Amino acid sequence: MEFRTLVELPQKELTITHADQILLLGSCFAENIGNLLINNKFRCEVNPFGVLYNPLSIARGLRCLADKRTFSPTDLFASRGLWHSFMHHGSFSASTPEQTLQNINQRLQPAADQFASLNYLLITFGTAWVFEEKESGTVVANCHKLPDRAFNRRMLSVSEITDAYIPLIEELITSNPKLKLIFSVSPIRHVKDGMHGNQLSKAVLLLAIEELRCHFPENVYYFPSYELLLDELRDYRFYADDMLHPSDVAISYLWESFIKSYFPKETQKILKEWAEIVKALQHKPFHPDSAQYKHFLSQILLKIIQLKEKCPFLDVAKEIELCHIQ
């Protein structure tokens, strides 16, 4: 007897391996999956602008990367003793414009360098609600705690999102035909919009993604992170203490679903071998100077080298160095 409704996962439409180059942009779900990809030695960049919630800011970020744009002092503004960018998370802000620009442009460079050769672009929409700066009419990615009177707040329409993305995706796949885009909607609820407002927002995002998927059936795909948490897990025990964000258990479940959807068996095997190595490296010995522990480390080192030979794209230099140091 089945006591829950299972969400249908993508049936191996795509296969992601360690040889692929991946970029993730968007809401916190992109951060969660991106960090797990990095921890498992995939070649990926995650949110070079910081967390982005709305589709138009994500689209603007993609254009910046495609054009290899660098930010200049005219892109910044000062508030509360710090210099900020409307396109960036507050973690990039600093007390001088020079330091802020250094934080921004140093982070953008590796993502921009990788952009033209991407295999996969994973985009997570968080909300259709946007803040539009009154002075410029531009939708901002981050308000940086400026007064509400500086912005118009409104919800994007489905057509606004698709009108921004259809020409953008056409340009991206023309310059890089192998590129595949995987869209998802963040399961995180934006309660400041009200529960009904949050649902309307998610509905707009889902409809927009479906239009894009139908428009680009060979290049655009959808991963049901939203449905997995709200329909399949469907219980507050899968939320963090704020009852809004997914718990660690829920994130692990979404990760396992992502693995089932996109990773071939060989890649899954590599993940298991790497997990065993990581667990071994975390072992705390009672006698670190003993011959027994040195032999233990030599066996870990051998496993790392063998895995590297099997999968040349793994960057395991830090782990090899750690074994030698210990």
Protein backbone atom coordinates (compact mmCIF):
# COMPACT_ATOMS: atom_id res chain seq x y z
CA MET A 1 0.00 0.00 0.00
CA GLU A 2 1.36 3.43 -0.96
CA PHE A 3 0.73 6.22 1.58
CA ARG A 4 1.91 9.14 -0.54
CA THR A 5 1.56 10.51 -4.05
CA LEU A 6 4.78 10.02 -6.00
CA VAL A 7 5.92 12.73 -8.37
CA GLU A 8 6.97 11.52 -11.79
CA LEU A 9 10.67 12.21 -12.35
CA PRO A 10 12.29 12.96 -15.70
CA GLN A 11 13.03 9.64 -17.40
CA LYS A 12 16.72 9.96 -18.33
CA GLU A 13 15.98 12.73 -20.84
CA LEU A 14 19.48 13.98 -20.12
CA THR A 15 22.66 12.48 -18.70
CA ILE A 16 24.98 14.60 -16.56
CA THR A 17 28.54 13.40 -15.92
CA HIS A 18 31.70 14.80 -14.37
CA ALA A 19 32.91 15.70 -17.86
CA ASP A 20 30.16 18.31 -18.21
CA GLN A 21 30.48 21.99 -17.42
CA ILE A 22 27.52 23.30 -15.42
CA LEU A 23 26.28 26.72 -14.33
CA LEU A 24 23.52 27.18 -11.73
CA LEU A 25 21.65 30.44 -11.26
CA GLY A 26 18.69 31.40 -9.16
CA SER A 27 17.02 30.84 -5.81
CA CYS A 28 18.28 28.94 -2.77
CA PHE A 29 17.47 25.60 -4.41
CA ALA A 30 20.16 26.36 -7.01
CA GLU A 31 22.57 26.97 -4.13
CA ASN A 32 21.66 23.69 -2.43
CA ILE A 33 22.02 21.51 -5.53
CA GLY A 34 25.03 23.50 -6.73
CA ASN A 35 26.94 23.01 -3.48
CA LEU A 36 26.22 19.27 -3.60
CA LEU A 37 27.51 19.15 -7.17
CA ILE A 38 30.69 20.96 -6.09
CA ASN A 39 31.14 18.67 -3.08
CA ASN A 40 30.87 15.71 -5.43
CA LYS A 41 33.54 17.16 -7.75
CA PHE A 42 31.42 18.25 -10.69
CA ARG A 43 32.76 21.12 -12.79
CA CYS A 44 30.28 23.87 -11.99
CA GLU A 45 29.82 27.49 -11.04
CA VAL A 46 27.04 28.46 -8.65
CA ASN A 47 25.33 31.86 -8.46
CA PRO A 48 28.18 34.23 -9.41
CA PHE A 49 25.81 37.13 -8.59
CA GLY A 50 24.68 35.58 -5.34
CA VAL A 51 21.14 34.27 -4.90
CA LEU A 52 18.75 35.59 -7.57
CA TYR A 53 15.03 35.19 -7.05
CA ASN A 54 13.12 36.64 -10.00
CA PRO A 55 13.32 35.56 -13.67
CA LEU A 56 14.21 38.98 -15.11
CA SER A 57 17.25 39.41 -12.86
CA ILE A 58 18.40 35.89 -13.76
CA ALA A 59 18.00 36.72 -17.46
CA ARG A 60 20.02 39.90 -16.99
CA GLY A 61 22.72 37.92 -15.22
CA LEU A 62 22.88 35.46 -18.12
CA ARG A 63 23.35 38.31 -20.59
CA CYS A 64 26.14 39.75 -18.44
CA LEU A 65 27.94 36.40 -18.54
CA ALA A 66 27.36 35.89 -22.26
CA ASP A 67 28.77 39.36 -22.99
CA LYS A 68 31.64 38.87 -20.50
CA ARG A 69 30.61 42.17 -18.99
CA THR A 70 32.61 43.70 -16.16
CA PHE A 71 30.99 46.04 -13.67
CA SER A 72 32.16 49.65 -13.23
CA PRO A 73 31.62 52.42 -10.65
CA THR A 74 28.49 53.59 -12.51
CA ASP A 75 26.85 50.24 -11.62
CA LEU A 76 27.16 50.92 -7.89
CA PHE A 77 25.39 53.07 -5.31
CA ALA A 78 26.17 53.93 -1.70
CA SER A 79 23.86 53.22 1.23
CA ARG A 80 24.38 52.71 4.96
CA GLY A 81 28.15 53.12 4.67
CA LEU A 82 28.54 50.43 1.99
CA TRP A 83 28.70 50.30 -1.81
CA HIS A 84 26.20 47.97 -3.48
CA SER A 85 25.09 46.63 -6.85
CA PHE A 86 21.39 46.13 -7.58
CA MET A 87 22.39 42.97 -9.46
CA HIS A 88 24.26 41.37 -6.57
CA HIS A 89 23.72 39.87 -3.15
CA GLY A 90 24.82 41.91 -0.13
CA SER A 91 27.82 39.63 0.40
CA PHE A 92 29.52 41.46 -2.50
CA SER A 93 29.07 44.89 -0.87
CA ALA A 94 32.02 46.66 0.72
CA SER A 95 32.99 49.98 2.31
CA THR A 96 34.69 51.23 -0.88
CA PRO A 97 33.57 51.06 -4.52
CA GLU A 98 36.93 49.58 -5.47
CA GLN A 99 36.55 46.64 -3.09
CA THR A 100 32.94 46.05 -4.16
CA LEU A 101 33.95 45.98 -7.84
CA GLN A 102 36.82 43.65 -7.05
CA ASN A 103 34.45 41.29 -5.23
CA ILE A 104 32.01 41.38 -8.15
CA ASN A 105 34.37 41.08 -11.10
CA GLN A 106 36.64 38.44 -9.56
CA ARG A 107 33.62 36.24 -8.96
CA LEU A 108 32.18 36.82 -12.44
CA GLN A 109 35.35 36.01 -14.38
CA PRO A 110 35.46 32.20 -13.96
CA ALA A 111 31.73 31.90 -14.72
CA ALA A 112 32.07 34.12 -17.82
CA ASP A 113 35.12 32.18 -19.02
CA GLN A 114 33.19 28.91 -18.76
CA PHE A 115 29.96 30.27 -20.22
CA ALA A 116 30.55 29.67 -23.94
CA SER A 117 31.40 25.99 -23.39
CA LEU A 118 28.61 25.07 -20.95
CA ASN A 119 26.85 21.74 -21.28
CA TYR A 120 24.13 22.46 -18.75
CA LEU A 121 22.49 25.59 -17.40
CA LEU A 122 20.32 25.01 -14.32
CA ILE A 123 17.94 27.88 -13.55
CA THR A 124 15.73 28.06 -10.47
CA PHE A 125 12.97 30.67 -10.37
CA GLY A 126 12.02 31.74 -6.85
CA THR A 127 9.26 34.32 -7.27
CA ALA A 128 7.40 36.28 -9.92
CA TRP A 129 7.15 39.27 -7.57
CA VAL A 130 9.71 41.97 -8.43
CA PHE A 131 10.93 45.31 -7.15
CA GLU A 132 11.24 47.89 -9.92
CA GLU A 133 13.42 50.90 -9.15
CA LYS A 134 11.32 54.02 -9.76
CA GLU A 135 14.22 56.18 -10.94
CA SER A 136 15.47 53.81 -13.67
CA GLY A 137 12.47 51.51 -14.19
CA THR A 138 14.82 48.54 -13.81
CA VAL A 139 13.87 45.34 -11.98
CA VAL A 140 16.47 44.85 -9.25
CA ALA A 141 17.82 41.58 -7.90
CA ASN A 142 18.39 42.99 -4.41
CA CYS A 143 16.93 46.08 -2.73
CA HIS A 144 19.74 46.28 -0.13
CA LYS A 145 17.23 47.56 2.46
CA LEU A 146 16.52 50.82 0.63
CA PRO A 147 13.16 52.44 1.55
CA ASP A 148 10.04 50.96 -0.05
CA ARG A 149 9.28 54.32 -1.64
CA ALA A 150 12.25 53.83 -4.00
CA PHE A 151 10.53 50.89 -5.73
CA ASN A 152 7.36 49.76 -7.40
CA ARG A 153 6.45 46.23 -6.38
CA ARG A 154 4.49 44.09 -8.81
CA MET A 155 4.09 40.57 -10.14
CA LEU A 156 5.49 39.62 -13.53
CA SER A 157 3.16 38.14 -16.12
CA VAL A 158 3.82 34.89 -17.95
CA SER A 159 4.37 36.81 -21.20
CA GLU A 160 6.92 39.16 -19.61
CA ILE A 161 9.00 36.16 -18.59
CA THR A 162 8.72 34.32 -21.91
CA ASP A 163 9.36 37.54 -23.89
CA ALA A 164 12.63 37.94 -21.98
CA TYR A 165 13.71 34.31 -22.29
CA ILE A 166 12.74 33.23 -25.82
CA PRO A 167 15.21 35.56 -27.62
CA LEU A 168 17.82 34.91 -24.90
CA ILE A 169 17.61 31.13 -25.23
CA GLU A 170 17.68 31.40 -29.03
CA GLU A 171 20.93 33.37 -28.80
CA LEU A 172 22.44 30.94 -26.29
CA ILE A 173 21.71 27.77 -28.28
CA THR A 174 22.76 29.42 -31.56
CA SER A 175 26.20 30.13 -30.12
CA ASN A 176 26.31 26.84 -28.17
CA PRO A 177 24.05 24.17 -29.79
CA LYS A 178 24.94 21.50 -27.20
CA LEU A 179 23.61 23.61 -24.32
CA LYS A 180 20.72 22.14 -22.33
CA LEU A 181 18.69 24.22 -19.89
CA ILE A 182 17.02 22.66 -16.86
CA PHE A 183 14.46 24.93 -15.19
CA SER A 184 12.98 24.42 -11.76
CA VAL A 185 10.80 26.37 -9.35
CA SER A 186 12.03 26.84 -5.81
CA PRO A 187 9.88 25.05 -3.21
CA ILE A 188 10.67 27.82 -0.73
CA ARG A 189 7.50 29.76 0.12
CA HIS A 190 7.60 33.55 0.08
CA VAL A 191 5.10 34.24 2.88
CA LYS A 192 5.68 38.01 2.76
CA ASP A 193 3.62 37.90 -0.43
CA GLY A 194 0.81 36.17 1.48
CA MET A 195 0.04 32.50 0.97
CA HIS A 196 -2.32 33.23 -1.92
CA GLY A 197 0.16 35.67 -3.46
CA ASN A 198 2.89 33.06 -3.16
CA GLN A 199 0.75 30.47 -4.94
CA LEU A 200 -0.10 32.92 -7.74
CA SER A 201 3.60 33.70 -8.11
CA LYS A 202 4.58 30.03 -8.34
CA ALA A 203 1.79 29.45 -10.87
CA VAL A 204 3.15 32.22 -13.11
CA LEU A 205 6.63 30.69 -12.94
CA LEU A 206 5.36 27.19 -13.73
CA LEU A 207 3.31 28.41 -16.70
CA ALA A 208 6.23 30.41 -18.08
CA ILE A 209 8.60 27.45 -17.84
CA GLU A 210 6.05 25.22 -19.57
CA GLU A 211 5.81 27.68 -22.46
CA LEU A 212 9.59 27.74 -22.77
CA ARG A 213 9.75 23.95 -22.66
CA CYS A 214 7.19 23.71 -25.47
CA HIS A 215 9.00 26.39 -27.49
CA PHE A 216 12.41 24.68 -27.16
CA PRO A 217 11.61 20.94 -26.80
CA GLU A 218 15.17 19.88 -27.65
CA ASN A 219 16.94 22.26 -25.29
CA VAL A 220 14.67 23.17 -22.35
CA TYR A 221 13.69 20.72 -19.59
CA TYR A 222 11.97 20.87 -16.22
CA PHE A 223 12.93 19.34 -12.87
CA PRO A 224 10.02 19.10 -10.38
CA SER A 225 11.68 20.32 -7.18
CA TYR A 226 8.56 22.33 -6.28
CA GLU A 227 6.25 19.34 -6.67
CA LEU A 228 8.58 16.95 -4.85
CA LEU A 229 8.53 18.98 -1.66
CA LEU A 230 4.93 20.22 -1.72
CA ASP A 231 3.22 17.12 -3.12
CA GLU A 232 5.40 14.10 -2.44
CA LEU A 233 6.98 14.98 0.92
CA ARG A 234 4.01 17.15 1.93
CA ASP A 235 4.75 17.37 5.66
CA TYR A 236 6.16 20.06 7.95
CA ARG A 237 8.80 17.66 9.22
CA PHE A 238 10.53 18.20 5.87
CA TYR A 239 10.86 21.94 6.52
CA ALA A 240 13.48 23.83 8.49
CA ASP A 241 12.60 25.62 11.74
CA ASP A 242 11.18 28.61 9.84
CA MET A 243 8.61 26.30 8.18
CA LEU A 244 9.51 27.90 4.83
CA HIS A 245 12.82 26.41 3.67
CA PRO A 246 13.38 22.70 3.07
CA SER A 247 15.11 20.80 5.85
CA ASP A 248 18.41 18.99 5.37
CA VAL A 249 16.46 15.74 4.96
CA ALA A 250 14.32 17.30 2.24
CA ILE A 251 17.38 18.69 0.44
CA SER A 252 18.94 15.20 0.53
CA TYR A 253 15.73 13.77 -0.93
CA LEU A 254 15.70 16.36 -3.74
CA TRP A 255 19.36 15.55 -4.41
CA GLU A 256 18.61 11.83 -4.61
CA SER A 257 15.75 12.57 -7.02
CA PHE A 258 18.09 14.72 -9.11
CA ILE A 259 20.61 11.86 -9.22
CA LYS A 260 17.94 9.39 -10.34
CA SER A 261 16.77 11.78 -13.05
CA TYR A 262 20.04 12.78 -14.66
CA PHE A 263 23.06 10.72 -13.56
CA PRO A 264 23.95 7.56 -15.51
CA LYS A 265 24.96 4.44 -13.58
CA GLU A 266 28.67 5.06 -14.02
CA THR A 267 28.36 8.56 -12.56
CA GLN A 268 26.33 7.22 -9.64
CA LYS A 269 29.05 4.65 -9.02
CA ILE A 270 31.67 7.41 -8.91
CA LEU A 271 29.53 9.30 -6.39
CA LYS A 272 29.46 6.26 -4.09
CA GLU A 273 33.22 5.77 -4.34
CA TRP A 274 33.82 9.44 -3.64
CA ALA A 275 31.49 9.35 -0.62
CA GLU A 276 33.55 6.50 0.85
CA ILE A 277 36.75 8.50 0.34
CA VAL A 278 35.27 11.61 1.97
CA LYS A 279 34.08 9.57 4.95
CA ALA A 280 37.53 8.04 5.34
CA LEU A 281 39.22 11.46 5.18
CA GLN A 282 36.97 12.69 7.99
CA HIS A 283 38.17 9.90 10.28
CA LYS A 284 39.81 11.25 13.47
CA PRO A 285 42.61 8.90 14.60
CA PHE A 286 43.55 8.33 18.24
CA HIS A 287 47.22 8.03 17.24
CA PRO A 288 47.91 10.19 14.14
CA ASP A 289 51.65 9.41 14.21
CA SER A 290 51.20 5.65 14.21
CA ALA A 291 52.30 3.41 11.34
CA GLN A 292 48.77 2.00 11.23
CA TYR A 293 47.27 5.44 10.50
CA LYS A 294 49.89 6.17 7.85
CA HIS A 295 49.00 2.90 6.16
CA PHE A 296 45.32 3.91 6.37
CA LEU A 297 46.13 7.22 4.63
CA SER A 298 48.16 5.49 1.95
CA GLN A 299 45.14 3.31 1.14
CA ILE A 300 42.92 6.40 0.86
CA LEU A 301 45.49 8.05 -1.38
CA LEU A 302 45.55 4.98 -3.61
CA LYS A 303 41.74 5.05 -3.91
CA ILE A 304 41.83 8.75 -4.84
CA ILE A 305 44.44 8.15 -7.52
CA GLN A 306 42.53 5.19 -8.93
CA LEU A 307 39.31 7.21 -9.03
CA LYS A 308 41.14 10.08 -10.75
CA GLU A 309 42.41 7.66 -13.39
CA LYS A 310 38.87 6.41 -13.93
CA CYS A 311 37.44 9.95 -14.07
CA PRO A 312 40.11 12.45 -15.22
CA PHE A 313 37.82 15.47 -14.74
CA LEU A 314 37.82 15.13 -10.94
CA ASP A 315 39.77 17.88 -9.20
CA VAL A 316 41.20 16.01 -6.21
CA ALA A 317 44.41 18.00 -5.70
CA LYS A 318 43.33 19.25 -2.24
CA GLU A 319 42.50 15.75 -1.03
CA ILE A 320 45.81 14.35 -2.30
CA GLU A 321 47.68 17.17 -0.59
CA LEU A 322 45.75 16.54 2.63
CA CYS A 323 46.79 12.88 2.61
CA HIS A 324 50.41 13.83 2.13
CA ILE A 325 50.32 16.44 4.91
CA GLN A 326 48.69 14.06 7.37
